[in-house]
């Protein structure tokens, strides 16, 4: 099978590795252009590009498919299939029509729930009991194509956005591996997505990570989990920004106004709009991530008010 692979971030790496391991080395790898990163702002290749170059695969990095020759270069590959995983560029109809078997996408949700940019975090934030990965045919409308195959997994009670991201990346690679023979034989019938079940996973913003202590503790626990490792939940503490990496809602009534801290031995409880939130791992600017016990050894927090 002659495959084009298109992907950019870490999430796409296990799928490209699976294709290599299965003997389906792509005839070309598309990924986004190198971006400035780090303190020196040096151009950094995407994780997908780094893997592709290690295996000697041809890499193409158009800024968009409106570039002169971009579509023609892809058409000239005469591919059977294009596999897309978190590529980040819109594909015009001329690209979708180029491979003999069309273009398929791995999306990190159980479509039609959570179309869009941040399905993993939105599922966690909403308290969904399960999520998964959907293999679908690509259409011009965002994440709206017919669904070919799904893999479902429960969301762990303490699972963070980063942990779920890594699990779904592997789950997606395995889903495509099992689907490849049927894709090649054209045996996968697409299931149309029901419009009434569609929800959208908007892109994450740093503003969302600011904790509103009037919200229920259960919601705030999900927010902390969903935004770990980015953008990381944060609150004001003694004039500084305190990042909260891990926390747990407690089944007890709130003590004091929302945001009020109660130190109980070596633990730090915060009153919310409904219940208490126990902070387990925190970080001050310029400091390391600390278990709350270590944090309390260095900071007086009892009866402080987080804002």
Protein backbone atom coordinates (compact mmCIF):
# COMPACT_ATOMS: atom_id res chain seq x y z
CA UNK A 1 0.00 0.00 0.00
CA UNK A 2 1.39 3.39 -1.00
CA UNK A 3 0.58 5.73 1.87
CA UNK A 4 1.04 9.44 2.47
CA UNK A 5 1.20 10.35 6.16
CA UNK A 6 0.30 13.80 7.48
CA UNK A 7 0.80 14.75 11.12
CA UNK A 8 2.67 17.17 13.32
CA UNK A 9 2.67 16.76 17.16
CA UNK A 10 3.57 13.97 19.56
CA UNK A 11 0.05 12.55 19.26
CA UNK A 12 0.76 11.53 15.65
CA UNK A 13 4.11 9.83 16.33
CA UNK A 14 2.82 6.38 17.45
CA UNK A 15 0.75 6.06 14.27
CA UNK A 16 3.71 6.86 12.03
CA UNK A 17 5.84 4.42 14.02
CA UNK A 18 3.16 1.75 13.63
CA UNK A 19 3.18 2.19 9.83
CA UNK A 20 6.95 1.81 9.81
CA UNK A 21 6.84 -1.27 12.04
CA UNK A 22 4.10 -2.84 9.90
CA UNK A 23 6.12 -2.45 6.71
CA UNK A 24 4.03 0.43 5.35
CA UNK A 25 6.72 3.12 5.27
CA UNK A 26 4.99 6.20 3.82
CA UNK A 27 6.06 7.41 0.40
CA UNK A 28 5.98 10.94 1.84
CA UNK A 29 5.39 12.61 5.20
CA UNK A 30 3.62 15.95 5.43
CA UNK A 31 4.08 18.03 8.56
CA UNK A 32 3.82 21.67 9.52
CA UNK A 33 6.80 23.99 8.94
CA UNK A 34 9.47 24.21 11.63
CA UNK A 35 8.51 26.71 14.35
CA UNK A 36 10.65 28.87 16.67
CA UNK A 37 10.89 27.31 20.12
CA UNK A 38 12.82 27.60 23.37
CA UNK A 39 14.68 30.57 24.79
CA UNK A 40 16.81 30.98 21.70
CA UNK A 41 13.74 30.83 19.45
CA UNK A 42 15.54 28.46 17.10
CA UNK A 43 13.50 26.67 14.44
CA UNK A 44 12.40 23.29 15.78
CA UNK A 45 11.25 20.36 13.66
CA UNK A 46 7.95 18.76 14.64
CA UNK A 47 8.03 15.38 16.43
CA UNK A 48 6.68 13.76 13.26
CA UNK A 49 9.42 15.31 11.12
CA UNK A 50 12.09 14.16 13.56
CA UNK A 51 10.85 10.55 13.35
CA UNK A 52 10.50 10.70 9.57
CA UNK A 53 14.05 11.98 9.09
CA UNK A 54 15.47 9.26 11.36
CA UNK A 55 13.95 6.73 8.96
CA UNK A 56 14.95 8.53 5.79
CA UNK A 57 11.41 9.37 4.70
CA UNK A 58 10.76 12.28 2.31
CA UNK A 59 9.31 15.24 4.27
CA UNK A 60 7.18 18.02 2.79
CA UNK A 61 6.21 21.13 4.78
CA UNK A 62 3.93 23.49 2.85
CA UNK A 63 2.60 26.47 4.79
CA UNK A 64 -0.71 25.72 3.08
CA UNK A 65 -1.96 23.90 0.01
CA UNK A 66 -2.52 27.24 -1.65
CA UNK A 67 1.23 27.41 -2.27
CA UNK A 68 2.14 27.06 -5.96
CA UNK A 69 2.77 23.43 -6.74
CA UNK A 70 1.73 22.07 -3.32
CA UNK A 71 -1.32 20.18 -4.60
CA UNK A 72 0.47 19.04 -7.75
CA UNK A 73 3.36 17.63 -5.72
CA UNK A 74 0.95 15.56 -3.65
CA UNK A 75 -0.97 14.35 -6.69
CA UNK A 76 2.28 13.28 -8.34
CA UNK A 77 2.88 10.78 -5.53
CA UNK A 78 0.05 8.59 -6.92
CA UNK A 79 -0.73 7.30 -3.43
CA UNK A 80 -3.35 4.74 -2.50
CA UNK A 81 -4.25 6.35 0.83
CA UNK A 82 -3.52 9.45 2.90
CA UNK A 83 -3.51 9.03 6.69
CA UNK A 84 -3.94 12.23 8.70
CA UNK A 85 -3.32 12.52 12.45
CA UNK A 86 -3.36 15.99 14.04
CA UNK A 87 -1.78 17.56 10.96
CA UNK A 88 -3.11 21.07 11.56
CA UNK A 89 -3.66 22.18 7.95
CA UNK A 90 -6.94 22.26 6.06
CA UNK A 91 -7.01 19.90 3.08
CA UNK A 92 -8.75 21.19 -0.05
CA UNK A 93 -10.95 18.91 -2.13
CA UNK A 94 -8.17 18.47 -4.69
CA UNK A 95 -6.04 16.85 -1.97
CA UNK A 96 -8.90 14.74 -0.64
CA UNK A 97 -9.49 13.39 -4.15
CA UNK A 98 -5.84 12.65 -4.92
CA UNK A 99 -5.24 9.24 -3.22
CA UNK A 100 -7.00 6.29 -4.84
CA UNK A 101 -8.71 5.30 -1.57
CA UNK A 102 -9.13 8.85 -0.30
CA UNK A 103 -8.00 10.40 3.00
CA UNK A 104 -8.69 9.13 6.51
CA UNK A 105 -8.21 10.83 9.86
CA UNK A 106 -7.69 9.60 13.42
CA UNK A 107 -9.58 11.86 15.83
CA UNK A 108 -9.20 11.66 19.62
CA UNK A 109 -12.87 11.39 20.58
CA UNK A 110 -15.94 9.26 20.02
CA UNK A 111 -17.41 11.28 17.19
CA UNK A 112 -19.72 13.07 16.75
CA UNK A 113 -18.96 14.11 20.35
CA UNK A 114 -16.10 16.59 20.63
CA UNK A 115 -15.28 17.65 17.12
CA UNK A 116 -12.55 20.27 17.03
CA UNK A 117 -9.20 21.22 18.50
CA UNK A 118 -9.19 19.97 22.12
CA UNK A 119 -11.32 16.80 22.37
CA UNK A 120 -9.20 15.13 25.05
CA UNK A 121 -9.36 18.02 27.50
CA UNK A 122 -13.03 18.78 26.81
CA UNK A 123 -14.02 15.18 27.54
CA UNK A 124 -12.19 15.34 30.88
CA UNK A 125 -13.61 18.74 31.76
CA UNK A 126 -17.16 17.61 31.00
CA UNK A 127 -16.80 14.55 33.21
CA UNK A 128 -17.33 12.05 30.38
CA UNK A 129 -17.00 8.49 31.73
CA UNK A 130 -15.38 7.28 28.52
CA UNK A 131 -13.75 8.49 25.35
CA UNK A 132 -11.78 6.93 22.52
CA UNK A 133 -10.50 7.33 18.99
CA UNK A 134 -12.47 7.49 15.75
CA UNK A 135 -11.17 6.65 12.29
CA UNK A 136 -13.14 8.61 9.72
CA UNK A 137 -13.06 9.64 6.09
CA UNK A 138 -12.14 13.29 5.69
CA UNK A 139 -14.62 15.76 4.26
CA UNK A 140 -14.27 19.51 3.88
CA UNK A 141 -16.37 20.19 6.99
CA UNK A 142 -14.33 19.89 10.20
CA UNK A 143 -14.38 16.36 11.69
CA UNK A 144 -17.71 15.65 9.98
CA UNK A 145 -16.84 12.74 7.69
CA UNK A 146 -18.32 9.22 7.83
CA UNK A 147 -17.02 7.14 10.74
CA UNK A 148 -15.20 3.95 9.74
CA UNK A 149 -14.13 2.42 13.06
CA UNK A 150 -13.91 3.32 16.75
CA UNK A 151 -11.98 2.24 19.81
CA UNK A 152 -13.51 3.02 23.21
CA UNK A 153 -11.76 3.39 26.57
CA UNK A 154 -12.88 4.48 30.05
CA UNK A 155 -11.41 7.67 31.48
CA UNK A 156 -9.50 6.99 34.68
CA UNK A 157 -10.74 8.62 37.88
CA UNK A 158 -7.41 10.43 38.40
CA UNK A 159 -6.26 10.62 34.77
CA UNK A 160 -4.79 13.89 33.54
CA UNK A 161 -5.03 15.40 30.08
CA UNK A 162 -1.43 14.42 29.37
CA UNK A 163 -1.91 10.85 30.50
CA UNK A 164 -5.09 10.42 28.47
CA UNK A 165 -3.39 12.04 25.45
CA UNK A 166 -0.62 9.44 25.55
CA UNK A 167 -3.05 6.52 25.92
CA UNK A 168 -5.23 7.70 23.03
CA UNK A 169 -2.20 8.20 20.79
CA UNK A 170 -1.33 4.51 21.22
CA UNK A 171 -4.98 3.47 20.93
CA UNK A 172 -5.28 5.36 17.64
CA UNK A 173 -2.19 3.71 16.20
CA UNK A 174 -3.57 0.28 17.07
CA UNK A 175 -6.99 1.16 15.65
CA UNK A 176 -5.46 2.07 12.29
CA UNK A 177 -3.30 -1.06 12.32
CA UNK A 178 -6.39 -3.27 12.61
CA UNK A 179 -8.27 -1.21 10.01
CA UNK A 180 -5.60 -1.20 7.28
CA UNK A 181 -6.51 -4.57 5.70
CA UNK A 182 -10.18 -3.56 5.40
CA UNK A 183 -9.24 -0.12 4.10
CA UNK A 184 -7.08 -1.76 1.45
CA UNK A 185 -9.92 -4.13 0.52
CA UNK A 186 -12.46 -1.27 0.61
CA UNK A 187 -14.59 -3.17 3.13
CA UNK A 188 -15.21 -0.38 5.67
CA UNK A 189 -18.63 1.19 5.27
CA UNK A 190 -18.83 4.69 6.70
CA UNK A 191 -21.43 5.57 9.33
CA UNK A 192 -22.88 9.07 8.93
CA UNK A 193 -22.55 11.25 12.03
CA UNK A 194 -25.80 12.35 13.65
CA UNK A 195 -25.98 16.14 13.74
CA UNK A 196 -28.09 16.10 16.91
CA UNK A 197 -25.20 14.48 18.83
CA UNK A 198 -22.48 16.90 17.73
CA UNK A 199 -20.51 18.82 20.36
CA UNK A 200 -17.49 21.05 19.73
CA UNK A 201 -14.17 21.01 21.55
CA UNK A 202 -12.93 24.59 21.37
CA UNK A 203 -9.21 25.33 21.50
CA UNK A 204 -7.79 25.71 25.01
CA UNK A 205 -6.80 29.14 26.31
CA UNK A 206 -4.70 30.23 29.29
CA UNK A 207 -7.62 32.35 30.50
CA UNK A 208 -9.67 29.20 31.11
CA UNK A 209 -7.02 27.87 33.48
CA UNK A 210 -7.70 30.60 36.04
CA UNK A 211 -9.64 28.95 38.87
CA UNK A 212 -12.98 30.38 39.93
CA UNK A 213 -13.38 29.15 43.50
CA UNK A 214 -17.15 29.70 43.42
CA UNK A 215 -17.38 26.66 41.14
CA UNK A 216 -18.03 23.21 42.67
CA UNK A 217 -15.04 21.20 43.85
CA UNK A 218 -15.87 18.33 41.47
CA UNK A 219 -15.67 20.69 38.49
CA UNK A 220 -12.40 22.21 39.70
CA UNK A 221 -10.83 18.77 40.13
CA UNK A 222 -11.71 17.98 36.50
CA UNK A 223 -10.29 21.33 35.40
CA UNK A 224 -6.99 20.62 37.15
CA UNK A 225 -6.78 17.19 35.53
CA UNK A 226 -7.83 18.40 32.07
CA UNK A 227 -5.32 21.28 31.98
CA UNK A 228 -2.34 19.17 33.09
CA UNK A 229 0.18 19.57 31.39
CA UNK A 230 -1.14 22.68 29.58
CA UNK A 231 -2.19 25.37 30.29
CA UNK A 232 -2.15 24.25 33.98
CA UNK A 233 -4.77 25.46 36.47
CA UNK A 234 -3.65 28.48 38.46
CA UNK A 235 -4.76 30.81 41.25
CA UNK A 236 -3.45 33.79 43.19
CA UNK A 237 -1.52 33.04 46.41
CA UNK A 238 0.06 35.83 48.48
CA UNK A 239 0.55 38.04 45.45
CA UNK A 240 1.97 35.25 43.25
CA UNK A 241 0.53 32.83 40.74
CA UNK A 242 0.21 29.34 42.16
CA UNK A 243 -0.05 26.55 39.59
CA UNK A 244 -2.06 23.52 40.66
CA UNK A 245 -0.93 20.30 39.03
CA UNK A 246 -2.97 17.80 41.01
CA UNK A 247 -5.99 18.10 43.28
CA UNK A 248 -8.94 16.07 44.52
CA UNK A 249 -12.51 16.97 45.39
CA UNK A 250 -13.53 15.92 48.90
CA UNK A 251 -16.99 14.71 49.95
CA UNK A 252 -17.42 17.26 52.72
CA UNK A 253 -18.99 20.68 53.17
CA UNK A 254 -16.98 23.80 52.44
CA UNK A 255 -15.42 25.64 55.38
CA UNK A 256 -15.40 29.39 54.82
CA UNK A 257 -15.76 31.56 51.75
CA UNK A 258 -14.71 30.17 48.37
CA UNK A 259 -10.92 30.26 48.09
CA UNK A 260 -10.27 30.09 51.84
CA UNK A 261 -7.46 27.67 52.76
CA UNK A 262 -7.57 25.30 55.70
CA UNK A 263 -4.37 23.43 56.56
CA UNK A 264 -5.16 20.04 58.06
CA UNK A 265 -1.92 18.48 59.25
CA UNK A 266 0.13 18.05 56.07
CA UNK A 267 -2.77 18.70 53.68
CA UNK A 268 -4.18 21.88 52.16
CA UNK A 269 -7.94 22.14 51.68
CA UNK A 270 -9.63 24.98 49.80
CA UNK A 271 -13.31 25.96 50.14
CA UNK A 272 -15.25 26.09 46.87
CA UNK A 273 -18.78 26.94 45.84
CA UNK A 274 -19.73 23.36 46.68
CA UNK A 275 -17.36 21.22 48.74
CA UNK A 276 -13.64 21.26 49.44
CA UNK A 277 -10.73 20.81 47.04
CA UNK A 278 -7.59 19.18 48.40
CA UNK A 279 -4.45 20.45 46.68
CA UNK A 280 -1.88 17.68 46.15
CA UNK A 281 0.84 19.18 43.92
CA UNK A 282 1.55 22.88 43.36
CA UNK A 283 4.20 25.21 41.93
CA UNK A 284 5.18 28.84 42.46
CA UNK A 285 6.85 30.94 39.71
CA UNK A 286 10.50 29.95 39.26
CA UNK A 287 10.10 26.98 41.59
CA UNK A 288 9.73 23.24 41.19
CA UNK A 289 6.53 21.26 41.30
CA UNK A 290 6.07 20.27 44.94
CA UNK A 291 3.92 17.85 46.84
CA UNK A 292 1.76 19.96 49.16
CA UNK A 293 3.50 18.54 52.22
CA UNK A 294 6.82 19.99 50.99
CA UNK A 295 5.12 23.24 49.98
CA UNK A 296 3.67 23.69 53.48
CA UNK A 297 7.10 23.18 55.02
CA UNK A 298 8.22 26.37 53.29
CA UNK A 299 5.05 28.50 53.20
CA UNK A 300 2.42 29.60 55.70
CA UNK A 301 -0.92 28.91 54.05
CA UNK A 302 -3.53 28.38 56.78
CA UNK A 303 -6.45 30.77 56.33
CA UNK A 304 -4.90 32.30 53.22
CA UNK A 305 -7.43 33.23 50.55
CA UNK A 306 -6.73 32.08 47.01
CA UNK A 307 -8.04 34.30 44.26
